Amino acid sequence: MNSSQSSSRVTGSILMVAGCCIGAGMLGVPVISSLAGFIPSTLMFVLSWLFMMTTGLLLLEVNLWFEEEVSIVSMVGLTLGKVGRILSWVLFGYLFYSLMIAYVAGSGLLLAGLADDVGLILPNWVGSTAFTLLFSIFVFLGTGFVDWFNRLLMAGLIISYVLLVSLGIRYVEPEFLLYQDWSATLLVIPAMIISFGFHNLVPSLTTYMERDRKKLFWIFFLGSLLPLLIYLVWGGLIMGIVPISAFQSAMESGDLVTVALKNTVNSPLVLLFAEHFAFFAIVSSFITVALSFVDFLADGLHVKKDRKGRLFLTFLTLFPPFLCAMIYPGIFLVAISYAGVFGALILFGIFPALMVWRGRYFMKIDARKIVPGGRVTLSLIIVFAVLVIFVNIALDLHLLELN
């Protein structure tokens, strides 16, 4: 691979990581984080990014221990044993089916909103069906096509984002940004955690970048930092425009943030750019997450990724979440939150820390460390994840109440 090809792959990989992060979270996280308010949610966003970026690098460290191409489940099995492998299989399936359900359900709501702007009535199920069928083609075609198409999506996302911020900032009400409820901070973290869930791309990109440790570090660092900056500005813009009462209504009905925006702002251009930004975001995340899930299923089910195999894997990746989204069309916000609590925090938080702990201190693997801090860093990651999971379960069981 020559230098121009290498630079192109680095750029494409950074955008794939960013695209994986900038997805359904853009449509749901502002609604959920509005419970805490702008200042608390900003701090939680930075903390969530630091947590997920660190655990992503831990996963990269584990990945580089093995010469052959391995999936996350294989890494867990080789370091934590058979029980860990089975548990990771269940969690991975749960997490990514939850995300795919959110994307399919969200796409129906989004396309219905776009149709409404031009005076058309489009049922949610029609939008979800068209979305799934159209973009499944790129998932079937594989990483190279996803890389190419994702660059176009990210270009559209950045253009619409800049236009949205430029026009929308005049509608911001500073007093809306002063609302704070610190008791809700641990409740909003799971949705933020899932917004930085690029970890599923680690095995694929490790192979794609020919195991270049330095380049992979910068790919994951910059690829996750870009979404953080976009999320912070996006959150400030939306929470500065939409009053808390509109967010509460959106939470109760499971609506996208674009619906809350439409009910608040009387500006066709702001709504147009917001809906296009949301569209590019959800498509980019949909195809990158689906691509990694195809690789996961191929590894777990031992299916060859030839034409027939990829067709079967693509169907298995997309049909179950499509069916669930059709049965429960209002599941968008719930799917995102539960994916973060019971999927990402364990699979992408606790497991990477445990794998590195076992590899470094029990298996005595002699390899360069990517994440510093030793046992202290690993312990903090595990304790933080367990705390957030416990608080969210306690809230669901009404053992704890928000103020």
Protein backbone atom coordinates (compact mmCIF):
# COMPACT_ATOMS: atom_id res chain seq x y z
CA MET A 1 0.00 0.00 0.00
CA ASN A 2 1.63 3.27 -1.18
CA SER A 3 1.48 6.57 0.72
CA SER A 4 -1.46 8.02 -1.24
CA GLN A 5 -3.49 4.83 -0.73
CA SER A 6 -2.54 4.85 2.95
CA SER A 7 -3.62 8.48 3.43
CA SER A 8 -6.87 7.79 1.60
CA ARG A 9 -7.56 4.80 3.82
CA VAL A 10 -6.80 6.78 6.98
CA THR A 11 -9.19 9.54 5.91
CA GLY A 12 -11.86 7.02 4.93
CA SER A 13 -11.42 5.13 8.19
CA ILE A 14 -11.70 8.29 10.31
CA LEU A 15 -14.93 9.13 8.50
CA MET A 16 -16.22 5.58 8.99
CA VAL A 17 -15.61 5.85 12.75
CA ALA A 18 -17.26 9.27 12.81
CA GLY A 19 -20.16 7.99 10.74
CA CYS A 20 -20.65 5.07 13.11
CA CYS A 21 -20.90 7.54 16.01
CA ILE A 22 -22.92 10.28 14.31
CA GLY A 23 -26.11 8.36 13.80
CA ALA A 24 -29.36 7.78 15.58
CA GLY A 25 -27.86 9.51 18.62
CA MET A 26 -28.22 12.82 16.78
CA LEU A 27 -31.98 12.26 16.66
CA GLY A 28 -32.50 10.90 20.16
CA VAL A 29 -29.74 12.11 22.48
CA PRO A 30 -30.83 15.80 22.62
CA VAL A 31 -34.29 14.65 23.68
CA ILE A 32 -32.91 12.35 26.39
CA SER A 33 -30.13 14.70 27.56
CA SER A 34 -32.63 17.57 27.88
CA LEU A 35 -33.64 15.86 31.15
CA ALA A 36 -30.32 17.02 32.64
CA GLY A 37 -29.93 20.32 30.79
CA PHE A 38 -27.14 21.74 28.63
CA ILE A 39 -24.31 22.20 31.16
CA PRO A 40 -24.68 18.80 32.91
CA SER A 41 -25.14 17.00 29.60
CA THR A 42 -22.04 18.69 28.14
CA LEU A 43 -19.91 17.38 31.00
CA MET A 44 -21.48 13.93 30.63
CA PHE A 45 -20.77 13.98 26.88
CA VAL A 46 -17.07 14.65 27.47
CA LEU A 47 -16.94 11.94 30.14
CA SER A 48 -18.75 9.46 27.86
CA TRP A 49 -16.37 10.23 24.98
CA LEU A 50 -13.31 9.78 27.20
CA PHE A 51 -14.71 6.48 28.52
CA MET A 52 -15.54 5.07 25.09
CA MET A 53 -12.38 6.33 23.38
CA THR A 54 -10.29 4.70 26.12
CA THR A 55 -12.13 1.38 25.96
CA GLY A 56 -11.88 1.45 22.16
CA LEU A 57 -8.11 1.73 22.46
CA LEU A 58 -8.13 -1.13 24.99
CA LEU A 59 -9.98 -3.21 22.43
CA LEU A 60 -7.39 -2.27 19.81
CA GLU A 61 -4.63 -3.39 22.17
CA VAL A 62 -6.30 -6.79 22.54
CA ASN A 63 -6.89 -7.03 18.78
CA LEU A 64 -3.19 -6.50 18.09
CA TRP A 65 -2.27 -9.45 20.32
CA PHE A 66 -3.54 -11.79 17.61
CA GLU A 67 -1.90 -12.21 14.21
CA GLU A 68 -5.05 -13.57 12.56
CA GLU A 69 -8.23 -11.57 11.93
CA VAL A 70 -10.53 -11.92 14.96
CA SER A 71 -13.94 -10.58 15.91
CA ILE A 72 -14.80 -9.06 19.28
CA VAL A 73 -16.48 -12.32 20.31
CA SER A 74 -13.36 -14.30 19.36
CA MET A 75 -11.20 -11.90 21.39
CA VAL A 76 -13.44 -12.36 24.42
CA GLY A 77 -13.37 -16.14 24.01
CA LEU A 78 -9.59 -16.27 23.71
CA THR A 79 -9.04 -14.10 26.81
CA LEU A 80 -12.06 -14.67 29.09
CA GLY A 81 -13.01 -18.23 28.15
CA LYS A 82 -16.14 -20.00 26.94
CA VAL A 83 -18.57 -18.30 29.34
CA GLY A 84 -17.29 -14.88 28.29
CA ARG A 85 -17.61 -15.83 24.63
CA ILE A 86 -21.24 -16.94 25.03
CA LEU A 87 -22.13 -13.82 27.03
CA SER A 88 -20.46 -11.54 24.49
CA TRP A 89 -22.36 -13.25 21.68
CA VAL A 90 -25.65 -12.58 23.43
CA LEU A 91 -24.71 -8.98 24.29
CA PHE A 92 -23.40 -8.23 20.81
CA GLY A 93 -26.56 -9.55 19.22
CA TYR A 94 -28.73 -7.63 21.69
CA LEU A 95 -26.77 -4.40 21.27
CA PHE A 96 -26.68 -4.28 17.51
CA TYR A 97 -30.17 -5.53 16.94
CA SER A 98 -31.29 -2.77 19.35
CA LEU A 99 -29.36 -0.21 17.30
CA MET A 100 -30.67 -1.52 14.00
CA ILE A 101 -34.22 -1.39 15.39
CA ALA A 102 -33.62 2.25 16.38
CA TYR A 103 -32.25 3.11 12.93
CA VAL A 104 -35.12 1.45 11.05
CA ALA A 105 -37.78 2.97 13.34
CA GLY A 106 -36.08 6.37 13.21
CA SER A 107 -35.81 6.28 9.42
CA GLY A 108 -39.56 5.81 9.09
CA LEU A 109 -40.27 8.79 11.35
CA LEU A 110 -37.68 10.91 9.54
CA LEU A 111 -38.84 10.13 6.00
CA ALA A 112 -42.45 10.69 7.03
CA GLY A 113 -41.42 14.15 8.27
CA LEU A 114 -39.59 14.94 5.02
CA ALA A 115 -42.64 13.86 3.00
CA ASP A 116 -44.88 16.04 5.16
CA ASP A 117 -42.72 19.06 4.31
CA VAL A 118 -43.69 18.74 0.63
CA GLY A 119 -47.35 18.01 1.32
CA LEU A 120 -47.22 14.22 1.05
CA ILE A 121 -48.53 11.68 3.53
CA LEU A 122 -46.05 8.83 3.95
CA PRO A 123 -46.78 6.12 6.53
CA ASN A 124 -43.83 5.32 8.79
CA TRP A 125 -43.73 1.71 7.62
CA VAL A 126 -43.34 2.75 3.98
CA GLY A 127 -40.40 5.00 4.87
CA SER A 128 -38.73 2.29 6.95
CA THR A 129 -39.22 -0.30 4.20
CA ALA A 130 -37.78 1.92 1.46
CA PHE A 131 -34.86 2.96 3.68
CA THR A 132 -33.96 -0.62 4.62
CA LEU A 133 -34.21 -2.01 1.08
CA LEU A 134 -32.23 0.82 -0.53
CA PHE A 135 -29.30 1.00 1.86
CA SER A 136 -29.04 -2.76 2.37
CA ILE A 137 -27.41 -2.78 -1.08
CA PHE A 138 -24.29 -1.03 0.25
CA VAL A 139 -24.12 -3.37 3.24
CA PHE A 140 -24.23 -6.34 0.86
CA LEU A 141 -21.46 -4.89 -1.35
CA GLY A 142 -18.99 -4.68 1.57
CA THR A 143 -16.37 -2.43 3.20
CA GLY A 144 -14.95 -0.81 0.06
CA PHE A 145 -18.35 0.38 -1.15
CA VAL A 146 -19.38 1.49 2.35
CA ASP A 147 -16.13 3.49 2.63
CA TRP A 148 -16.81 5.26 -0.69
CA PHE A 149 -20.51 5.92 -0.06
CA ASN A 150 -19.89 7.02 3.52
CA ARG A 151 -17.58 9.79 2.31
CA LEU A 152 -20.46 11.23 0.28
CA LEU A 153 -22.76 10.95 3.29
CA MET A 154 -20.27 12.68 5.57
CA ALA A 155 -19.83 15.49 3.02
CA GLY A 156 -23.60 15.99 2.97
CA LEU A 157 -23.73 15.78 6.75
CA ILE A 158 -21.03 18.42 7.25
CA ILE A 159 -22.56 20.82 4.70
CA SER A 160 -26.06 20.54 6.15
CA TYR A 161 -24.65 20.80 9.69
CA VAL A 162 -22.76 24.04 8.95
CA LEU A 163 -25.83 25.56 7.27
CA LEU A 164 -28.07 24.44 10.13
CA VAL A 165 -25.84 25.95 12.82
CA SER A 166 -25.35 29.17 10.83
CA LEU A 167 -29.09 29.70 10.43
CA GLY A 168 -30.29 28.17 13.69
CA ILE A 169 -28.08 30.09 16.11
CA ARG A 170 -30.28 33.19 15.81
CA TYR A 171 -33.19 31.23 17.30
CA VAL A 172 -31.29 30.20 20.44
CA GLU A 173 -32.79 31.43 23.72
CA PRO A 174 -29.89 31.68 26.25
CA GLU A 175 -32.19 31.08 29.24
CA PHE A 176 -33.09 27.63 27.87
CA LEU A 177 -29.42 26.65 28.26
CA LEU A 178 -29.45 27.50 31.97
CA TYR A 179 -31.82 24.66 32.92
CA GLN A 180 -30.00 22.04 35.07
CA ASP A 181 -31.01 18.80 36.75
CA TRP A 182 -27.88 17.06 37.98
CA SER A 183 -29.90 14.13 39.35
CA ALA A 184 -30.58 13.04 35.76
CA THR A 185 -26.93 12.86 34.67
CA LEU A 186 -26.44 9.11 35.16
CA LEU A 187 -29.76 8.50 33.40
CA VAL A 188 -28.64 10.24 30.20
CA ILE A 189 -25.18 8.62 30.04
CA PRO A 190 -26.26 5.32 28.36
CA ALA A 191 -27.61 7.16 25.29
CA MET A 192 -24.39 9.19 25.15
CA ILE A 193 -22.26 6.06 25.55
CA ILE A 194 -23.94 4.45 22.55
CA SER A 195 -23.27 7.64 20.58
CA PHE A 196 -19.54 6.83 20.65
CA GLY A 197 -19.91 3.13 19.88
CA PHE A 198 -17.29 2.71 17.14
CA HIS A 199 -15.85 -0.41 18.80
CA ASN A 200 -17.55 -2.77 16.39
CA LEU A 201 -15.30 -1.35 13.65
CA VAL A 202 -12.04 -2.08 15.51
CA PRO A 203 -11.46 -5.59 14.05
CA SER A 204 -12.43 -4.58 10.50
CA LEU A 205 -10.29 -1.42 10.50
CA THR A 206 -7.34 -3.20 12.12
CA THR A 207 -7.26 -5.48 9.09
CA TYR A 208 -8.07 -2.65 6.65
CA MET A 209 -5.12 -0.58 7.96
CA GLU A 210 -2.79 -3.59 7.98
CA ARG A 211 -2.37 -3.50 11.78
CA ASP A 212 -0.59 -0.11 11.81
CA ARG A 213 -0.77 0.76 15.51
CA LYS A 214 0.04 4.48 15.17
CA LYS A 215 -2.43 5.11 12.36
CA LEU A 216 -5.15 3.13 14.12
CA PHE A 217 -4.66 5.19 17.29
CA TRP A 218 -5.21 8.44 15.40
CA ILE A 219 -8.11 6.97 13.44
CA PHE A 220 -10.00 6.09 16.63
CA PHE A 221 -9.00 9.27 18.46
CA LEU A 222 -9.89 11.71 15.69
CA GLY A 223 -12.80 9.63 14.44
CA SER A 224 -14.46 9.84 17.87
CA LEU A 225 -13.37 13.42 18.67
CA LEU A 226 -15.14 14.81 15.60
CA PRO A 227 -18.54 13.43 16.71
CA LEU A 228 -17.97 14.82 20.22
CA LEU A 229 -17.53 18.35 18.85
CA ILE A 230 -20.53 17.96 16.55
CA TYR A 231 -22.69 16.58 19.37
CA LEU A 232 -21.79 19.43 21.71
CA VAL A 233 -22.67 22.15 19.21
CA TRP A 234 -25.77 20.25 18.04
CA GLY A 235 -26.95 19.76 21.63
CA GLY A 236 -26.38 23.41 22.51
CA LEU A 237 -28.26 24.54 19.41
CA ILE A 238 -31.25 22.25 19.94
CA MET A 239 -31.51 22.77 23.70
CA GLY A 240 -31.23 26.51 23.14
CA ILE A 241 -34.10 26.51 20.64
CA VAL A 242 -36.54 23.92 22.00
CA PRO A 243 -38.16 24.55 25.43
CA ILE A 244 -38.08 21.80 28.06
CA SER A 245 -41.85 21.29 27.74
CA ALA A 246 -41.45 20.30 24.07
CA PHE A 247 -38.69 17.86 25.00
CA GLN A 248 -40.90 16.29 27.65
CA SER A 249 -43.64 15.83 25.06
CA ALA A 250 -41.14 14.21 22.67
CA MET A 251 -39.95 11.86 25.43
CA GLU A 252 -43.50 10.74 26.17
CA SER A 253 -44.33 10.05 22.52
CA GLY A 254 -40.90 8.68 21.49
CA ASP A 255 -40.43 11.36 18.82
CA LEU A 256 -37.22 12.41 17.08
CA VAL A 257 -35.61 15.74 17.93
CA THR A 258 -36.59 17.00 14.47
CA VAL A 259 -40.26 16.67 15.49
CA ALA A 260 -39.66 18.79 18.60
CA LEU A 261 -37.81 21.32 16.43
CA LYS A 262 -40.65 21.41 13.88
CA ASN A 263 -43.14 22.14 16.65
CA THR A 264 -41.03 25.03 17.95
CA VAL A 265 -39.27 26.89 15.11
CA ASN A 266 -41.11 28.74 12.37
CA SER A 267 -38.29 28.58 9.82
CA PRO A 268 -38.59 26.27 6.79
CA LEU A 269 -34.85 26.49 6.06
CA VAL A 270 -33.80 25.52 9.60
CA LEU A 271 -36.17 22.54 9.48
CA LEU A 272 -34.96 21.58 6.00
CA PHE A 273 -31.29 21.55 7.01
CA ALA A 274 -32.07 19.80 10.32
CA GLU A 275 -33.95 17.00 8.55
CA HIS A 276 -31.25 16.57 5.91
CA PHE A 277 -28.55 16.56 8.58
CA ALA A 278 -30.51 13.90 10.47
CA PHE A 279 -30.96 11.88 7.28
CA PHE A 280 -27.23 11.83 6.45
CA ALA A 281 -26.43 10.97 10.08
CA ILE A 282 -28.80 8.02 10.34
CA VAL A 283 -27.83 6.55 6.94
CA SER A 284 -24.11 6.78 7.73
CA SER A 285 -24.56 5.06 11.08
CA PHE A 286 -26.97 2.49 9.63
CA ILE A 287 -24.59 1.23 6.94
CA THR A 288 -21.45 1.19 9.13
CA VAL A 289 -23.13 -0.61 12.03
CA ALA A 290 -24.84 -3.08 9.68
CA LEU A 291 -21.51 -3.76 7.95
CA SER A 292 -19.80 -4.63 11.23
CA PHE A 293 -22.75 -6.82 12.25
CA VAL A 294 -22.41 -8.77 8.99
CA ASP A 295 -18.75 -9.45 9.88
CA PHE A 296 -19.77 -10.45 13.40
CA LEU A 297 -22.39 -12.92 12.16
CA ALA A 298 -20.00 -14.35 9.57
CA ASP A 299 -17.45 -15.07 12.29
CA GLY A 300 -19.94 -16.44 14.80
CA LEU A 301 -21.94 -18.58 12.35
CA HIS A 302 -18.89 -19.58 10.26
CA VAL A 303 -20.47 -18.33 7.04
CA LYS A 304 -18.21 -17.60 4.07
CA LYS A 305 -18.53 -14.04 2.81
CA ASP A 306 -19.04 -14.98 -0.83
CA ARG A 307 -22.05 -13.68 -2.77
CA LYS A 308 -24.55 -16.16 -1.31
CA GLY A 309 -23.07 -15.87 2.16
CA ARG A 310 -23.20 -12.05 2.16
CA LEU A 311 -26.80 -12.11 0.93
CA PHE A 312 -27.79 -14.43 3.79
CA LEU A 313 -25.83 -12.38 6.35
CA THR A 314 -27.32 -9.09 5.12
CA PHE A 315 -30.82 -10.55 5.41
CA LEU A 316 -30.09 -11.85 8.91
CA THR A 317 -28.71 -8.44 9.90
CA LEU A 318 -31.62 -6.35 8.65
CA PHE A 319 -34.84 -8.39 8.61
CA PRO A 320 -35.31 -9.05 12.39
CA PRO A 321 -34.89 -5.36 13.37
CA PHE A 322 -37.08 -4.31 10.45
CA LEU A 323 -39.82 -6.66 11.66
CA CYS A 324 -39.53 -5.39 15.25
CA ALA A 325 -39.66 -1.75 14.14
CA MET A 326 -42.82 -2.49 12.15
CA ILE A 327 -44.49 -4.08 15.18
CA TYR A 328 -43.35 -1.37 17.63
CA PRO A 329 -42.98 1.86 15.57
CA GLY A 330 -42.49 4.09 18.66
CA ILE A 331 -39.52 2.12 19.98
CA PHE A 332 -36.80 4.54 18.83
CA LEU A 333 -35.78 6.25 22.11
CA VAL A 334 -36.27 3.09 24.18
CA ALA A 335 -34.04 1.06 21.84
CA ILE A 336 -31.22 3.62 22.08
CA SER A 337 -31.32 3.81 25.89
CA TYR A 338 -31.43 0.07 26.48
CA ALA A 339 -28.70 -0.56 23.92
CA GLY A 340 -26.46 1.72 25.98
CA VAL A 341 -27.33 0.31 29.41
CA PHE A 342 -27.27 -3.42 28.74
CA GLY A 343 -25.14 -3.59 25.61
CA ALA A 344 -22.47 -0.95 25.18
CA LEU A 345 -21.51 -0.47 28.83
CA ILE A 346 -20.83 -4.18 29.28
CA LEU A 347 -19.57 -5.21 25.85
CA PHE A 348 -17.59 -2.05 25.04
CA GLY A 349 -16.81 -0.96 28.59
CA ILE A 350 -16.38 -3.78 31.09
CA PHE A 351 -15.23 -6.49 28.67
CA PRO A 352 -12.29 -4.58 27.10
CA ALA A 353 -11.02 -3.69 30.59
CA LEU A 354 -11.32 -7.32 31.74
CA MET A 355 -9.63 -8.64 28.59
CA VAL A 356 -6.67 -6.30 28.96
CA TRP A 357 -6.45 -7.06 32.70
CA ARG A 358 -6.35 -10.79 32.06
CA GLY A 359 -3.96 -10.47 29.13
CA ARG A 360 -1.49 -8.18 30.89
CA TYR A 361 -1.51 -9.62 34.42
CA PHE A 362 -2.58 -13.27 34.12
CA MET A 363 -1.68 -14.42 30.60
CA LYS A 364 1.50 -12.28 30.75
CA ILE A 365 1.18 -11.17 27.13
CA ASP A 366 4.28 -9.17 26.29
CA ALA A 367 3.02 -6.43 23.99
CA ARG A 368 3.12 -2.64 23.83
CA LYS A 369 0.49 -0.98 25.98
CA ILE A 370 -1.74 1.56 24.22
CA VAL A 371 -3.67 2.82 27.26
CA PRO A 372 -1.59 3.95 30.29
CA GLY A 373 -2.58 3.81 33.95
CA GLY A 374 -2.37 0.09 34.61
CA ARG A 375 -4.82 -1.46 37.06
CA VAL A 376 -6.08 1.95 38.23
CA THR A 377 -7.39 2.90 34.77
CA LEU A 378 -8.95 -0.52 34.25
CA SER A 379 -10.60 -0.45 37.69
CA LEU A 380 -12.06 3.03 37.13
CA ILE A 381 -13.58 1.90 33.82
CA ILE A 382 -15.24 -1.13 35.41
CA VAL A 383 -16.53 0.79 38.46
CA PHE A 384 -17.96 3.59 36.30
CA ALA A 385 -19.78 1.15 34.01
CA VAL A 386 -21.22 -0.85 36.91
CA LEU A 387 -22.39 2.35 38.64
CA VAL A 388 -24.25 3.62 35.56
CA ILE A 389 -25.86 0.22 34.95
CA PHE A 390 -26.95 -0.05 38.60
CA VAL A 391 -28.47 3.45 38.67
CA ASN A 392 -30.43 2.88 35.46
CA ILE A 393 -31.76 -0.49 36.64
CA ALA A 394 -32.74 1.07 39.98
CA LEU A 395 -34.58 3.86 38.17
CA ASP A 396 -36.43 1.36 35.97
CA LEU A 397 -37.46 -0.61 39.06
CA HIS A 398 -38.46 2.63 40.83
CA LEU A 399 -35.91 2.01 43.57
CA LEU A 400 -34.53 5.48 42.81
CA GLU A 401 -36.42 8.57 41.73
CA LEU A 402 -35.26 11.70 39.92
CA ASN A 403 -35.74 14.99 41.78
